[in-house]
Amino acid sequence: MKTYNLIMGYFWIAVAVISLIVVSYNGFTQGFDKWAGYYIFTAVAIGMFVMKKWMMARMAKHEAYLNEQQNKSKS
């Protein structure tokens, strides 16, 4: 599961970078009045990346807590 979470984190940051580049290029070549609204995809991808990192850290803390509780019950 950790490998999946790591891959998905890189996926969302890659989507954010690629969408930023594509939208900026099209904005410069075709006009920002037409392409400015598409920056929302970059913002959503960055939001997903941040959410993924936050949830991964939260899950790691919870796993540590569960392991600690399990070790206490064995002792």
N, C-alpha and C. Protein backbone atom coordinates (compact mmCIF):
# COMPACT_ATOMS: atom_id res chain seq x y z
N MET A 1 0.82 -1.19 0.00
CA MET A 1 0.00 0.00 0.00
C MET A 1 0.87 1.26 0.00
N LYS A 2 2.02 1.18 0.65
CA LYS A 2 2.90 2.35 0.70
C LYS A 2 3.44 2.68 -0.69
N THR A 3 3.71 1.64 -1.48
CA THR A 3 4.19 1.87 -2.84
C THR A 3 3.12 2.56 -3.68
N TYR A 4 1.88 2.10 -3.54
CA TYR A 4 0.77 2.71 -4.26
C TYR A 4 0.62 4.18 -3.88
N ASN A 5 0.67 4.48 -2.59
CA ASN A 5 0.54 5.86 -2.14
C ASN A 5 1.67 6.73 -2.66
N LEU A 6 2.87 6.19 -2.70
CA LEU A 6 4.01 6.94 -3.22
C LEU A 6 3.84 7.22 -4.71
N ILE A 7 3.43 6.20 -5.45
CA ILE A 7 3.22 6.37 -6.89
C ILE A 7 2.12 7.39 -7.16
N MET A 8 1.04 7.32 -6.42
CA MET A 8 -0.07 8.27 -6.63
C MET A 8 0.33 9.69 -6.25
N GLY A 9 1.19 9.84 -5.27
CA GLY A 9 1.69 11.18 -4.94
C GLY A 9 2.46 11.77 -6.10
N TYR A 10 3.35 10.96 -6.69
CA TYR A 10 4.09 11.42 -7.86
C TYR A 10 3.18 11.65 -9.06
N PHE A 11 2.15 10.83 -9.18
CA PHE A 11 1.19 11.00 -10.27
C PHE A 11 0.52 12.37 -10.19
N TRP A 12 0.04 12.74 -9.01
CA TRP A 12 -0.68 14.01 -8.88
C TRP A 12 0.24 15.21 -9.10
N ILE A 13 1.48 15.12 -8.64
CA ILE A 13 2.40 16.24 -8.88
C ILE A 13 2.75 16.32 -10.36
N ALA A 14 2.86 15.18 -11.05
CA ALA A 14 3.13 15.18 -12.48
C ALA A 14 1.95 15.75 -13.25
N VAL A 15 0.74 15.39 -12.86
CA VAL A 15 -0.45 15.96 -13.52
C VAL A 15 -0.49 17.47 -13.33
N ALA A 16 -0.15 17.94 -12.14
CA ALA A 16 -0.15 19.38 -11.88
C ALA A 16 0.87 20.10 -12.76
N VAL A 17 2.07 19.56 -12.86
CA VAL A 17 3.12 20.20 -13.66
C VAL A 17 2.75 20.18 -15.14
N ILE A 18 2.29 19.04 -15.63
CA ILE A 18 1.94 18.93 -17.05
C ILE A 18 0.77 19.85 -17.39
N SER A 19 -0.25 19.89 -16.54
CA SER A 19 -1.38 20.76 -16.83
C SER A 19 -0.98 22.23 -16.76
N LEU A 20 -0.09 22.59 -15.85
CA LEU A 20 0.40 23.97 -15.78
C LEU A 20 1.13 24.35 -17.06
N ILE A 21 1.97 23.46 -17.54
CA ILE A 21 2.73 23.73 -18.77
C ILE A 21 1.79 23.84 -19.97
N VAL A 22 0.87 22.89 -20.11
CA VAL A 22 -0.03 22.88 -21.27
C VAL A 22 -0.93 24.10 -21.27
N VAL A 23 -1.51 24.41 -20.13
CA VAL A 23 -2.43 25.55 -20.06
C VAL A 23 -1.67 26.86 -20.27
N SER A 24 -0.48 26.98 -19.71
CA SER A 24 0.30 28.20 -19.91
C SER A 24 0.71 28.36 -21.37
N TYR A 25 1.15 27.29 -22.00
CA TYR A 25 1.53 27.34 -23.41
C TYR A 25 0.33 27.75 -24.27
N ASN A 26 -0.78 27.09 -24.05
CA ASN A 26 -1.98 27.43 -24.83
C ASN A 26 -2.46 28.84 -24.51
N GLY A 27 -2.29 29.28 -23.29
CA GLY A 27 -2.67 30.64 -22.93
C GLY A 27 -1.83 31.67 -23.66
N PHE A 28 -0.53 31.42 -23.78
CA PHE A 28 0.34 32.35 -24.50
C PHE A 28 0.08 32.32 -26.01
N THR A 29 -0.21 31.15 -26.55
CA THR A 29 -0.37 31.05 -28.00
C THR A 29 -1.78 31.39 -28.47
N GLN A 30 -2.80 31.05 -27.69
CA GLN A 30 -4.17 31.25 -28.13
C GLN A 30 -4.92 32.31 -27.34
N GLY A 31 -4.32 32.79 -26.28
CA GLY A 31 -4.95 33.84 -25.49
C GLY A 31 -5.45 33.33 -24.16
N PHE A 32 -5.17 34.09 -23.11
CA PHE A 32 -5.56 33.66 -21.77
C PHE A 32 -7.04 33.80 -21.52
N ASP A 33 -7.72 34.63 -22.30
CA ASP A 33 -9.17 34.75 -22.11
C ASP A 33 -9.87 33.42 -22.38
N LYS A 34 -9.28 32.60 -23.22
CA LYS A 34 -9.84 31.30 -23.56
C LYS A 34 -9.36 30.20 -22.60
N TRP A 35 -8.15 30.29 -22.04
CA TRP A 35 -7.53 29.20 -21.30
C TRP A 35 -7.39 29.45 -19.81
N ALA A 36 -7.70 30.61 -19.31
CA ALA A 36 -7.48 30.92 -17.89
C ALA A 36 -8.27 30.00 -16.96
N GLY A 37 -9.44 29.61 -17.36
CA GLY A 37 -10.27 28.74 -16.52
C GLY A 37 -9.70 27.35 -16.32
N TYR A 38 -8.82 26.92 -17.19
CA TYR A 38 -8.26 25.58 -17.10
C TYR A 38 -7.17 25.46 -16.03
N TYR A 39 -6.77 26.57 -15.43
CA TYR A 39 -5.82 26.50 -14.32
C TYR A 39 -6.44 25.80 -13.12
N ILE A 40 -7.75 25.63 -13.12
CA ILE A 40 -8.41 24.91 -12.04
C ILE A 40 -7.93 23.47 -11.98
N PHE A 41 -7.59 22.88 -13.13
CA PHE A 41 -7.08 21.51 -13.13
C PHE A 41 -5.73 21.41 -12.42
N THR A 42 -4.92 22.43 -12.59
CA THR A 42 -3.64 22.46 -11.87
C THR A 42 -3.89 22.59 -10.37
N ALA A 43 -4.82 23.45 -10.00
CA ALA A 43 -5.12 23.64 -8.58
C ALA A 43 -5.70 22.37 -7.96
N VAL A 44 -6.55 21.67 -8.69
CA VAL A 44 -7.13 20.42 -8.17
C VAL A 44 -6.04 19.36 -8.01
N ALA A 45 -5.14 19.26 -8.98
CA ALA A 45 -4.06 18.27 -8.89
C ALA A 45 -3.13 18.57 -7.71
N ILE A 46 -2.82 19.83 -7.49
CA ILE A 46 -2.00 20.21 -6.34
C ILE A 46 -2.73 19.90 -5.04
N GLY A 47 -4.03 20.19 -5.02
CA GLY A 47 -4.84 19.86 -3.85
C GLY A 47 -4.86 18.37 -3.56
N MET A 48 -4.96 17.55 -4.60
CA MET A 48 -4.93 16.11 -4.43
C MET A 48 -3.58 15.64 -3.91
N PHE A 49 -2.50 16.25 -4.40
CA PHE A 49 -1.16 15.90 -3.92
C PHE A 49 -1.02 16.22 -2.44
N VAL A 50 -1.47 17.39 -2.04
CA VAL A 50 -1.38 17.79 -0.63
C VAL A 50 -2.24 16.88 0.24
N MET A 51 -3.45 16.57 -0.24
CA MET A 51 -4.34 15.69 0.51
C MET A 51 -3.73 14.29 0.65
N LYS A 52 -3.10 13.80 -0.40
CA LYS A 52 -2.47 12.48 -0.36
C LYS A 52 -1.33 12.47 0.65
N LYS A 53 -0.50 13.51 0.67
CA LYS A 53 0.60 13.58 1.63
C LYS A 53 0.07 13.65 3.06
N TRP A 54 -0.98 14.44 3.28
CA TRP A 54 -1.56 14.59 4.60
C TRP A 54 -2.14 13.26 5.09
N MET A 55 -2.85 12.57 4.20
CA MET A 55 -3.46 11.29 4.59
C MET A 55 -2.40 10.22 4.82
N MET A 56 -1.31 10.25 4.05
CA MET A 56 -0.23 9.28 4.27
C MET A 56 0.41 9.48 5.65
N ALA A 57 0.63 10.73 6.02
CA ALA A 57 1.21 11.03 7.34
C ALA A 57 0.25 10.62 8.45
N ARG A 58 -1.03 10.87 8.25
CA ARG A 58 -2.04 10.50 9.22
C ARG A 58 -2.11 8.99 9.38
N MET A 59 -2.05 8.27 8.26
CA MET A 59 -2.09 6.82 8.31
C MET A 59 -0.86 6.26 9.03
N ALA A 60 0.31 6.84 8.80
CA ALA A 60 1.52 6.38 9.46
C ALA A 60 1.42 6.57 10.98
N LYS A 61 0.88 7.70 11.42
CA LYS A 61 0.71 7.95 12.85
C LYS A 61 -0.27 6.94 13.45
N HIS A 62 -1.33 6.65 12.71
CA HIS A 62 -2.33 5.71 13.22
C HIS A 62 -1.75 4.29 13.31
N GLU A 63 -0.97 3.89 12.32
CA GLU A 63 -0.33 2.57 12.36
C GLU A 63 0.63 2.47 13.54
N ALA A 64 1.37 3.55 13.81
CA ALA A 64 2.28 3.55 14.96
C ALA A 64 1.50 3.44 16.26
N TYR A 65 0.38 4.12 16.35
CA TYR A 65 -0.46 4.05 17.54
C TYR A 65 -1.00 2.63 17.74
N LEU A 66 -1.48 2.01 16.66
CA LEU A 66 -2.00 0.65 16.76
C LEU A 66 -0.91 -0.34 17.17
N ASN A 67 0.28 -0.18 16.62
CA ASN A 67 1.39 -1.05 17.01
C ASN A 67 1.75 -0.87 18.48
N GLU A 68 1.71 0.37 18.95
CA GLU A 68 2.00 0.65 20.35
C GLU A 68 0.95 0.00 21.25
N GLN A 69 -0.31 0.10 20.87
CA GLN A 69 -1.39 -0.51 21.66
C GLN A 69 -1.25 -2.03 21.66
N GLN A 70 -0.89 -2.60 20.53
CA GLN A 70 -0.71 -4.05 20.44
C GLN A 70 0.46 -4.51 21.32
N ASN A 71 1.54 -3.75 21.32
CA ASN A 71 2.69 -4.11 22.15
C ASN A 71 2.36 -4.00 23.64
N LYS A 72 1.53 -3.02 24.02
CA LYS A 72 1.13 -2.87 25.41
C LYS A 72 0.26 -4.05 25.87
N SER A 73 -0.61 -4.50 24.96
CA SER A 73 -1.50 -5.59 25.34
C SER A 73 -0.75 -6.91 25.46
N LYS A 74 0.34 -7.08 24.76
CA LYS A 74 1.15 -8.29 24.85
C LYS A 74 1.97 -8.33 26.14
N SER A 75 2.31 -7.15 26.63
CA SER A 75 3.15 -7.08 27.85
C SER A 75 2.38 -7.27 29.11
